[in-house]
Protein backbone atom coordinates (compact mmCIF):
# COMPACT_ATOMS: atom_id res chain seq x y z
CA MET A 1 12.30 32.75 -30.41
CA GLU A 2 12.56 35.85 -32.61
CA LEU A 3 16.05 34.84 -33.74
CA ARG A 4 14.85 31.29 -34.49
CA SER A 5 11.92 32.66 -36.50
CA ALA A 6 14.21 34.98 -38.45
CA LEU A 7 16.62 32.16 -39.24
CA LEU A 8 13.74 29.92 -40.31
CA ARG A 9 12.37 32.58 -42.64
CA ALA A 10 15.79 33.16 -44.16
CA ALA A 11 16.39 29.45 -44.70
CA LEU A 12 12.96 28.95 -46.25
CA ALA A 13 12.81 32.11 -48.34
CA ARG A 14 13.08 29.88 -51.42
CA PRO A 15 12.04 26.39 -50.29
CA ALA A 16 13.20 23.34 -52.23
CA VAL A 17 10.18 21.75 -53.89
CA LEU A 18 9.60 18.13 -54.84
CA THR A 19 6.65 17.48 -57.15
CA ALA A 20 4.71 14.21 -57.14
CA VAL A 21 2.77 14.23 -60.41
CA LEU A 22 -0.11 11.84 -61.04
CA PRO A 23 -1.13 10.56 -64.49
CA GLY A 24 -3.65 12.91 -66.06
CA ALA A 25 -2.27 16.07 -64.43
CA THR A 26 -0.01 17.51 -67.16
CA ARG A 27 -1.87 20.82 -67.38
CA ALA A 28 -1.49 21.42 -63.64
CA ARG A 29 2.12 20.18 -63.69
CA LEU A 30 3.04 22.78 -66.32
CA ALA A 31 1.45 25.53 -64.20
CA VAL A 32 3.47 24.44 -61.16
CA GLU A 33 6.69 24.43 -63.18
CA ARG A 34 5.99 27.96 -64.44
CA GLU A 35 5.30 29.18 -60.91
CA LEU A 36 8.48 27.62 -59.53
CA ARG A 37 10.58 29.14 -62.28
CA ALA A 38 9.00 32.58 -61.78
CA ARG A 39 9.66 32.42 -58.02
CA ARG A 40 13.15 30.96 -58.53
CA TRP A 41 12.38 28.21 -56.06
CA PRO A 42 14.77 25.26 -56.52
CA ARG A 43 13.54 21.81 -57.45
CA ALA A 44 14.60 19.15 -54.96
CA LEU A 45 16.31 16.09 -56.42
CA SER A 46 15.10 13.77 -53.64
CA PRO A 47 12.69 13.76 -50.70
CA ALA A 48 15.55 14.20 -48.24
CA ALA A 49 16.50 17.47 -49.96
CA ALA A 50 12.93 18.84 -50.12
CA ASP A 51 11.12 21.29 -47.88
CA LEU A 52 7.79 21.22 -49.68
CA LEU A 53 6.07 18.27 -51.35
CA VAL A 54 3.56 19.25 -54.04
CA VAL A 55 1.14 16.51 -55.10
CA VAL A 56 -0.21 17.35 -58.56
CA GLY A 57 -3.35 15.48 -59.61
CA ARG A 58 -5.67 13.18 -57.72
CA PRO A 59 -4.66 9.70 -56.54
CA ALA A 60 -7.20 6.91 -56.80
CA GLU A 61 -7.05 6.61 -52.98
CA ASP A 62 -6.65 9.22 -50.25
CA GLU A 63 -3.34 8.11 -48.73
CA PRO A 64 -1.41 5.77 -51.05
CA ASP A 65 1.62 4.02 -49.60
CA TRP A 66 4.05 5.63 -52.03
CA LEU A 67 2.92 9.10 -50.95
CA GLU A 68 3.26 8.25 -47.27
CA GLY A 69 6.77 6.93 -47.87
CA THR A 70 7.76 10.07 -49.74
CA TRP A 71 6.29 12.29 -47.02
CA ARG A 72 8.20 10.55 -44.26
CA ALA A 73 11.49 11.03 -46.13
CA LEU A 74 11.21 14.84 -45.95
CA ALA A 75 13.16 16.48 -43.15
CA GLU A 76 11.46 18.83 -40.70
CA PRO A 77 10.11 21.43 -41.07
CA ARG A 78 8.11 20.14 -44.02
CA ALA A 79 4.78 20.70 -45.70
CA LEU A 80 2.64 18.99 -48.28
CA VAL A 81 0.12 20.61 -50.60
CA ARG A 82 -2.23 19.06 -53.14
CA LEU A 83 -3.67 20.62 -56.26
CA GLU A 84 -5.69 19.31 -59.17
CA GLU A 85 -6.23 22.34 -61.41
CA ALA A 86 -3.69 24.62 -63.06
CA ALA A 87 -5.39 27.71 -61.65
CA GLU A 88 -4.59 26.54 -58.11
CA ALA A 89 -0.81 26.44 -58.58
CA GLY A 90 0.07 29.87 -57.19
CA ALA A 91 -2.25 29.67 -54.21
CA ALA A 92 -1.10 26.15 -53.38
CA LEU A 93 2.57 27.16 -53.33
CA ASP A 94 1.74 30.21 -51.22
CA ALA A 95 -0.12 28.03 -48.72
CA GLY A 96 2.73 25.52 -48.56
CA HIS A 97 5.27 28.27 -48.02
CA ALA A 98 3.19 29.81 -45.23
CA GLU A 99 2.89 26.39 -43.59
CA LEU A 100 6.68 25.97 -43.67
CA LEU A 101 7.23 29.37 -42.08
CA ARG A 102 4.90 28.35 -39.25
CA GLY A 103 7.10 25.33 -38.64
CA GLY A 104 4.87 22.87 -40.46
CA ARG A 105 2.65 22.26 -37.44
CA ARG A 106 -0.72 23.75 -38.45
CA VAL A 107 -3.26 22.96 -41.13
CA GLY A 108 -4.36 25.52 -43.71
CA THR A 109 -6.08 25.64 -47.08
CA ALA A 110 -6.09 27.96 -50.06
CA ALA A 111 -8.00 27.95 -53.34
CA GLY A 112 -9.06 24.35 -52.92
CA ALA A 113 -5.49 23.18 -52.33
CA ASP A 114 -5.13 20.88 -49.35
CA VAL A 115 -2.23 21.65 -47.01
CA ARG A 116 -0.91 18.87 -44.80
CA PRO A 117 0.61 19.52 -41.38
CA ASP A 118 3.96 18.20 -40.27
CA HIS A 119 3.43 14.79 -38.72
CA PRO A 120 5.09 11.44 -39.27
CA GLY A 121 3.75 8.81 -41.66
CA PRO A 122 4.40 5.11 -42.05
CA ALA A 123 7.58 3.65 -43.45
CA ALA A 124 8.55 4.23 -47.06
CA GLY A 125 6.41 2.09 -49.35
CA ALA A 126 7.47 0.02 -52.32
CA GLY A 127 8.02 2.01 -55.46
CA HIS A 128 9.95 4.83 -53.82
CA PRO A 129 13.55 4.16 -52.75
CA ASP A 130 14.29 6.20 -49.64
CA HIS A 131 17.74 7.44 -50.64
CA ASP A 132 19.16 10.55 -52.26
CA HIS A 133 20.85 8.83 -55.18
CA ALA A 134 17.86 6.65 -55.88
CA GLY A 135 15.74 9.78 -56.06
CA HIS A 136 17.66 11.24 -58.99
CA PRO A 137 20.23 9.08 -60.77
CA ALA A 138 22.12 11.63 -62.82
CA ALA A 139 23.58 10.94 -66.21
CA HIS A 140 26.85 9.66 -64.77
CA SER A 141 27.63 6.02 -64.13
CA HIS A 142 28.97 6.63 -60.61
CA ASP A 143 25.62 7.95 -59.32
CA THR A 144 24.02 4.59 -58.56
CA PRO A 145 21.48 3.73 -55.84
CA MET A 146 23.45 1.07 -53.97
CA LEU A 147 22.17 1.87 -50.45
CA ILE A 148 18.42 1.63 -50.31
CA SER A 149 16.55 1.09 -47.08
CA GLY A 150 14.36 -1.98 -46.96
CA LEU A 151 15.45 -3.48 -50.28
CA PRO A 152 17.35 -6.73 -49.69
CA LEU A 153 19.84 -8.34 -52.03
CA ALA A 154 17.50 -11.08 -53.17
CA ASP A 155 19.80 -13.38 -55.13
CA ARG A 156 22.97 -13.73 -57.13
CA ALA A 157 23.50 -14.07 -60.88
CA ASP A 158 26.25 -13.86 -63.49
CA ASP A 159 27.15 -10.38 -64.68
CA ARG A 160 28.45 -9.45 -68.13
CA ASP A 161 31.97 -10.61 -67.15
CA GLY A 162 30.81 -13.99 -65.87
CA LEU A 163 31.19 -13.07 -62.19
CA ARG A 164 28.63 -14.02 -59.55
CA LEU A 165 27.38 -10.76 -58.10
CA ASP A 166 24.54 -9.71 -55.84
CA ARG A 167 21.41 -8.71 -57.72
CA LEU A 168 19.50 -5.84 -56.16
CA HIS A 169 15.78 -5.41 -56.89
CA VAL A 170 15.05 -1.67 -57.03
CA PRO A 171 11.81 0.16 -57.83
CA PHE A 172 12.31 3.55 -59.48
CA GLY A 173 9.45 6.03 -59.19
CA PRO A 174 6.89 7.29 -58.90
CA VAL A 175 8.31 10.49 -57.33
CA LEU A 176 11.44 11.37 -59.27
CA PRO A 177 12.42 14.64 -60.97
CA ASP A 178 12.04 14.64 -64.75
CA TRP A 179 10.24 11.31 -64.70
CA PRO A 180 6.96 10.27 -66.38
CA ALA A 181 4.00 10.95 -64.09
CA GLY A 182 3.21 8.09 -61.74
CA LEU A 183 5.51 5.60 -63.46
CA VAL A 184 7.20 2.82 -61.49
CA VAL A 185 9.94 0.79 -63.21
CA ARG A 186 11.19 -2.20 -61.24
CA LEU A 187 14.77 -3.16 -62.04
CA ALA A 188 17.09 -5.99 -61.11
CA LEU A 189 20.54 -4.38 -60.87
CA GLN A 190 24.03 -5.80 -60.63
CA GLY A 191 26.25 -2.92 -59.72
CA ASP A 192 25.07 -0.16 -62.04
CA VAL A 193 23.91 -2.53 -64.80
CA VAL A 194 20.27 -3.36 -65.49
CA GLN A 195 20.09 -7.13 -65.62
CA GLU A 196 16.31 -7.26 -65.96
CA VAL A 197 13.21 -5.08 -65.95
CA THR A 198 10.84 -6.96 -63.67
CA GLY A 199 7.89 -4.60 -63.93
CA VAL A 200 6.55 -1.43 -65.54
CA GLU A 201 3.41 0.03 -63.99
CA LEU A 202 1.57 3.23 -63.13
CA VAL A 203 0.28 4.22 -59.71
CA PRO A 204 -3.53 4.43 -59.71
CA ALA A 205 -4.98 7.85 -60.43
CA ALA A 206 -8.54 9.13 -60.47
CA PRO A 207 -10.30 9.08 -63.88
CA ALA A 208 -9.46 12.11 -66.03
CA THR A 209 -11.97 14.82 -66.85
CA ARG A 210 -10.19 15.69 -70.11
CA PRO A 211 -8.23 13.84 -72.78
CA ALA A 212 -4.46 13.60 -72.45
CA PHE A 213 -3.22 17.20 -72.57
CA TRP A 214 -0.77 16.70 -75.42
CA ASP A 215 -3.34 14.79 -77.54
CA GLU A 216 -6.23 17.16 -76.86
CA PRO A 217 -6.47 19.05 -80.20
CA TRP A 218 -6.66 15.84 -82.22
CA ARG A 219 -9.16 14.24 -79.84
CA ARG A 220 -11.36 17.33 -79.95
CA ALA A 221 -11.23 17.54 -83.73
CA ALA A 222 -12.19 13.87 -83.99
CA ALA A 223 -15.18 14.60 -81.71
CA GLY A 224 -16.35 17.36 -84.08
CA ALA A 225 -15.07 20.42 -82.20
CA PRO A 226 -13.51 23.28 -84.24
CA VAL A 227 -9.71 23.08 -84.01
CA THR A 228 -7.19 24.90 -86.22
CA ARG A 229 -4.02 23.41 -87.63
CA GLY A 230 -2.13 26.12 -85.78
CA GLU A 231 -3.58 25.04 -82.43
CA ALA A 232 -2.52 21.45 -83.10
CA ALA A 233 0.94 22.60 -84.22
CA ARG A 234 1.39 24.60 -81.00
CA ARG A 235 0.51 21.58 -78.91
CA ARG A 236 2.87 19.35 -80.92
CA CYS A 237 5.69 21.90 -80.66
CA ALA A 238 5.19 22.28 -76.91
CA ALA A 239 4.97 18.51 -76.39
CA HIS A 240 8.33 17.92 -78.09
CA LEU A 241 9.93 20.79 -76.19
CA ASP A 242 8.59 19.38 -72.92
CA SER A 243 10.18 16.03 -73.78
CA LEU A 244 13.42 17.75 -74.71
CA GLY A 245 13.48 19.66 -71.45
CA ARG A 246 13.12 16.42 -69.51
CA LEU A 247 15.88 14.66 -71.45
CA LEU A 248 18.28 17.61 -71.21
CA ALA A 249 17.70 17.79 -67.45
CA VAL A 250 18.43 14.08 -67.10
CA ALA A 251 21.59 14.62 -69.18
CA ASP A 252 22.63 17.25 -66.61
CA TRP A 253 22.38 20.26 -68.95
CA PRO A 254 20.06 22.48 -66.88
CA ASP A 255 20.56 25.66 -68.93
CA ALA A 256 19.44 24.01 -72.16
CA ALA A 257 16.58 22.28 -70.32
CA THR A 258 15.35 25.65 -69.04
CA ARG A 259 15.53 27.13 -72.54
CA ALA A 260 13.45 24.27 -73.92
CA ARG A 261 10.86 24.71 -71.18
CA ARG A 262 10.65 28.47 -71.61
CA LEU A 263 10.05 27.94 -75.31
CA ARG A 264 7.44 25.28 -74.51
CA ASP A 265 5.57 27.76 -72.34
CA ALA A 266 5.86 30.44 -75.03
CA ALA A 267 4.27 28.10 -77.56
CA LEU A 268 1.37 27.37 -75.21
CA ALA A 269 0.99 31.09 -74.42
CA GLY A 270 0.36 32.01 -78.06
CA VAL A 271 3.67 33.67 -78.99
CA PRO A 272 3.66 34.37 -82.76
CA ALA A 273 4.90 31.59 -85.02
CA ALA A 274 7.76 33.65 -86.48
CA GLU A 275 9.28 34.26 -83.05
CA LEU A 276 8.74 30.66 -81.98
CA ALA A 277 10.36 29.32 -85.14
CA TYR A 278 13.37 31.59 -84.70
CA ARG A 279 13.88 30.50 -81.09
CA ALA A 280 13.30 26.84 -81.97
CA ARG A 281 15.97 27.01 -84.69
CA ARG A 282 18.42 28.55 -82.21
CA LEU A 283 17.73 25.75 -79.73
CA HIS A 284 18.20 23.21 -82.52
CA ARG A 285 21.59 24.66 -83.42
CA ARG A 286 22.79 24.84 -79.84
CA VAL A 287 21.70 21.38 -78.75
CA GLY A 288 22.33 19.70 -82.09
CA ARG A 289 25.95 20.90 -82.15
CA SER A 290 26.77 19.69 -78.66
CA ARG A 291 29.56 17.13 -78.95
CA THR A 292 29.21 16.28 -75.27
CA LEU A 293 25.51 15.48 -75.54
CA ARG A 294 26.07 13.48 -78.70
CA TRP A 295 28.84 11.49 -77.03
CA LEU A 296 26.68 10.91 -73.96
CA THR A 297 23.60 9.70 -75.87
CA SER A 298 24.96 7.92 -78.94
CA GLY A 299 24.82 4.14 -79.12
CA ILE A 300 22.36 3.61 -76.26
CA GLY A 301 18.67 2.74 -76.34
CA PHE A 302 18.84 1.70 -80.00
CA LEU A 303 15.39 1.20 -81.52
CA PRO A 304 15.51 0.42 -85.26
CA ARG A 305 12.49 1.35 -87.33
CA GLU A 306 11.58 -2.25 -88.17
CA ARG A 307 11.46 -3.17 -84.51
CA GLY A 308 9.48 -0.05 -83.68
CA VAL A 309 6.87 -0.85 -86.33
CA ALA A 310 6.53 -4.40 -85.02
CA ALA A 311 6.03 -3.06 -81.48
CA GLY A 312 3.44 -0.48 -82.55
CA VAL A 313 5.68 2.49 -81.76
CA GLY A 314 4.96 5.74 -83.60
CA GLY A 315 5.90 9.41 -83.57
CA PRO A 316 9.47 10.68 -83.19
CA ALA A 317 10.61 7.44 -81.55
CA LEU A 318 9.78 5.59 -84.76
CA GLU A 319 10.94 8.25 -87.22
CA ALA A 320 14.31 8.63 -85.47
CA ASP A 321 15.20 5.02 -86.37
CA GLY A 322 18.06 4.83 -83.91
CA ASP A 323 19.46 5.67 -80.50
CA VAL A 324 18.88 8.33 -77.85
CA TRP A 325 20.84 10.91 -79.83
CA ARG A 326 18.75 10.32 -82.96
CA ARG A 327 15.53 10.72 -80.98
CA THR A 328 16.85 13.96 -79.47
CA VAL A 329 17.58 15.38 -82.91
CA GLN A 330 14.17 14.22 -84.16
CA TRP A 331 12.45 16.19 -81.40
CA LEU A 332 14.48 19.27 -82.31
CA VAL A 333 13.56 18.96 -85.99
CA GLU A 334 9.87 18.35 -85.37
CA ALA A 335 9.59 21.12 -82.77
CA ALA A 336 11.08 23.66 -85.19
CA ARG A 337 8.81 22.45 -88.00
CA ALA A 338 5.72 22.66 -85.83
CA ALA A 339 6.69 26.15 -84.61
CA GLU A 340 6.52 27.45 -88.17
CA ALA A 341 2.89 26.30 -88.46
CA CYS A 342 1.60 27.66 -85.16
CA ASP A 343 -0.45 30.44 -86.76
CA ASP A 344 -2.08 28.31 -89.48
CA PRO A 345 -5.80 29.22 -89.37
CA ARG A 346 -7.03 26.32 -91.49
CA PRO A 347 -9.21 23.76 -89.72
CA LEU A 348 -7.62 20.57 -88.51
CA PRO A 349 -9.17 17.63 -90.40
CA PRO A 350 -11.21 15.44 -88.04
CA ASP A 351 -9.60 12.36 -89.58
CA ASP A 352 -6.06 13.54 -88.76
CA PRO A 353 -5.07 10.93 -86.12
CA TYR A 354 -1.39 11.68 -85.64
CA GLY A 355 -0.54 13.24 -82.27
CA PRO A 356 2.87 14.08 -80.80
CA ARG A 357 3.66 10.45 -79.94
CA GLY A 358 1.96 8.70 -82.82
CA GLU A 359 -1.39 7.59 -84.18
CA LEU A 360 -4.31 8.08 -81.81
CA THR A 361 -6.87 5.84 -83.51
CA GLY A 362 -5.17 2.49 -82.93
CA GLU A 363 -6.19 -0.22 -80.52
CA GLN A 364 -3.87 1.22 -77.88
CA PRO A 365 -2.50 4.73 -77.22
CA PRO A 366 1.02 5.47 -78.51
CA SER A 367 2.53 5.57 -75.01
CA ARG A 368 1.43 2.00 -74.33
CA ALA A 369 3.76 0.80 -77.09
CA LEU A 370 6.59 2.96 -75.72
CA LEU A 371 6.22 1.37 -72.31
CA ASP A 372 5.98 -2.11 -73.80
CA VAL A 373 9.24 -1.72 -75.72
CA LEU A 374 11.07 -0.19 -72.74
CA PRO A 375 12.22 -3.41 -70.98
CA SER A 376 14.08 -4.73 -74.01
CA LEU A 377 15.87 -1.38 -74.48
CA LEU A 378 16.98 -1.23 -70.85
CA HIS A 379 18.27 -4.79 -70.60
CA GLY A 380 22.05 -4.79 -70.10
CA ALA A 381 22.30 -1.00 -69.96
CA GLU A 382 24.17 0.94 -67.31
CA LEU A 383 21.82 2.81 -65.01
CA ALA A 384 22.71 6.24 -66.41
CA ALA A 385 22.09 4.99 -69.95
CA ALA A 386 18.80 3.44 -68.88
CA ARG A 387 17.66 6.77 -67.41
CA LEU A 388 18.50 8.57 -70.66
CA THR A 389 16.77 5.88 -72.72
CA LEU A 390 13.53 6.28 -70.82
CA ALA A 391 13.73 10.06 -71.11
CA SER A 392 14.27 9.79 -74.87
CA LEU A 393 11.09 7.71 -75.26
CA ASP A 394 9.13 9.93 -72.85
CA PRO A 395 5.88 7.94 -72.68
CA ASP A 396 2.89 10.03 -71.62
CA PRO A 397 1.00 8.30 -68.77
CA ASP A 398 -1.93 10.68 -69.37
CA GLU A 399 -2.75 8.64 -72.46
CA LEU A 400 -3.37 5.59 -70.27
CA VAL A 401 -5.87 7.26 -67.93
CA PRO A 402 -9.54 6.66 -68.88
CA VAL A 403 -11.52 9.80 -69.72
CA ALA A 404 -15.03 10.36 -68.40
CA ALA A 405 -17.71 10.10 -71.08
CA GLY A 406 -18.72 13.37 -72.71
CA GLU A 407 -15.50 15.20 -71.79
CA VAL A 408 -13.50 14.81 -75.02
CA ALA A 409 -14.74 17.97 -76.71
CA ARG A 410 -13.78 20.29 -73.87
CA GLY A 411 -11.30 23.03 -74.66
């Protein structure tokens, strides 16, 4: 028993963590990412590779099917922790780690974070393919989810070469690394080609107590709260760096993704503008000069400005006026520009409506337009290109979660 315990502790010294992020939980998600990076705990690319499942945010129901399916896909020993507030991140991970070291058979709690014991759940629910490759399609065309439990080949249709091939209906999400929180995209695939997007939806989440994290300064200013231009610039800079980190991770450039995320956290932590601007320019030079990244992202997900305007798209996706590569460069440019203004003490005008993803005073939030335009951009794309296209739009599901009345002016 002592040898088994020692081996278990050695194997789980740095458990692999899979995060399931709900819409409205960006602040807590960022805290979890910082904790994982500080502890050097690896991020699992699929449920089968995970030891610890961290549910960030609050689902609209206690035990949603997608969460049960994800839980069942974890191998034993396994543990699940839930957290809703950023301040709980460290305690929640500690509790989950302790549960794993006990073999995942006992219940514990810490700092309001719920810890789930190791017991089986029902079969994997729709919206979460139970397969390693489906969990994280990398930016390579050979990594395609062709073996997915419980997903039949529903019909046949002509492919791009006029051949009659099986068409596989596959839901992607909501628990995928570097994926918008709670998003489920339902695809009809032939081989590794997206023949049709049959659905784009979000899993239900509890109503938010604050505005969307990335839009918060502009929402607060509009509600009459004192907000400086520098505070808004920091949030814009961090938002673009967060998007960049996600795209670079999907493009399989983990070192650059980590640099973007470290700089994101520095912006949110109040690092002086001069240092931020210097580091942002260095990131711009390094990423912007990458021939490999440019080759990988050029010519896919093309969104011309005229089409973006007609669809209601705003922000970098509109200004880029082009493909995934152009949107990547636009994020780099805007992040560096915002970094220079992070110490501006002047008040943010209450009638300034332009957040990181576009105008916030329209009939719908900017991310709604990004999701609406997504199906047409994915049609006919190879799966790897489709994954990069979504990452380059980076819709923010937090914008689509209703906010409780009277909460907008919170800091």
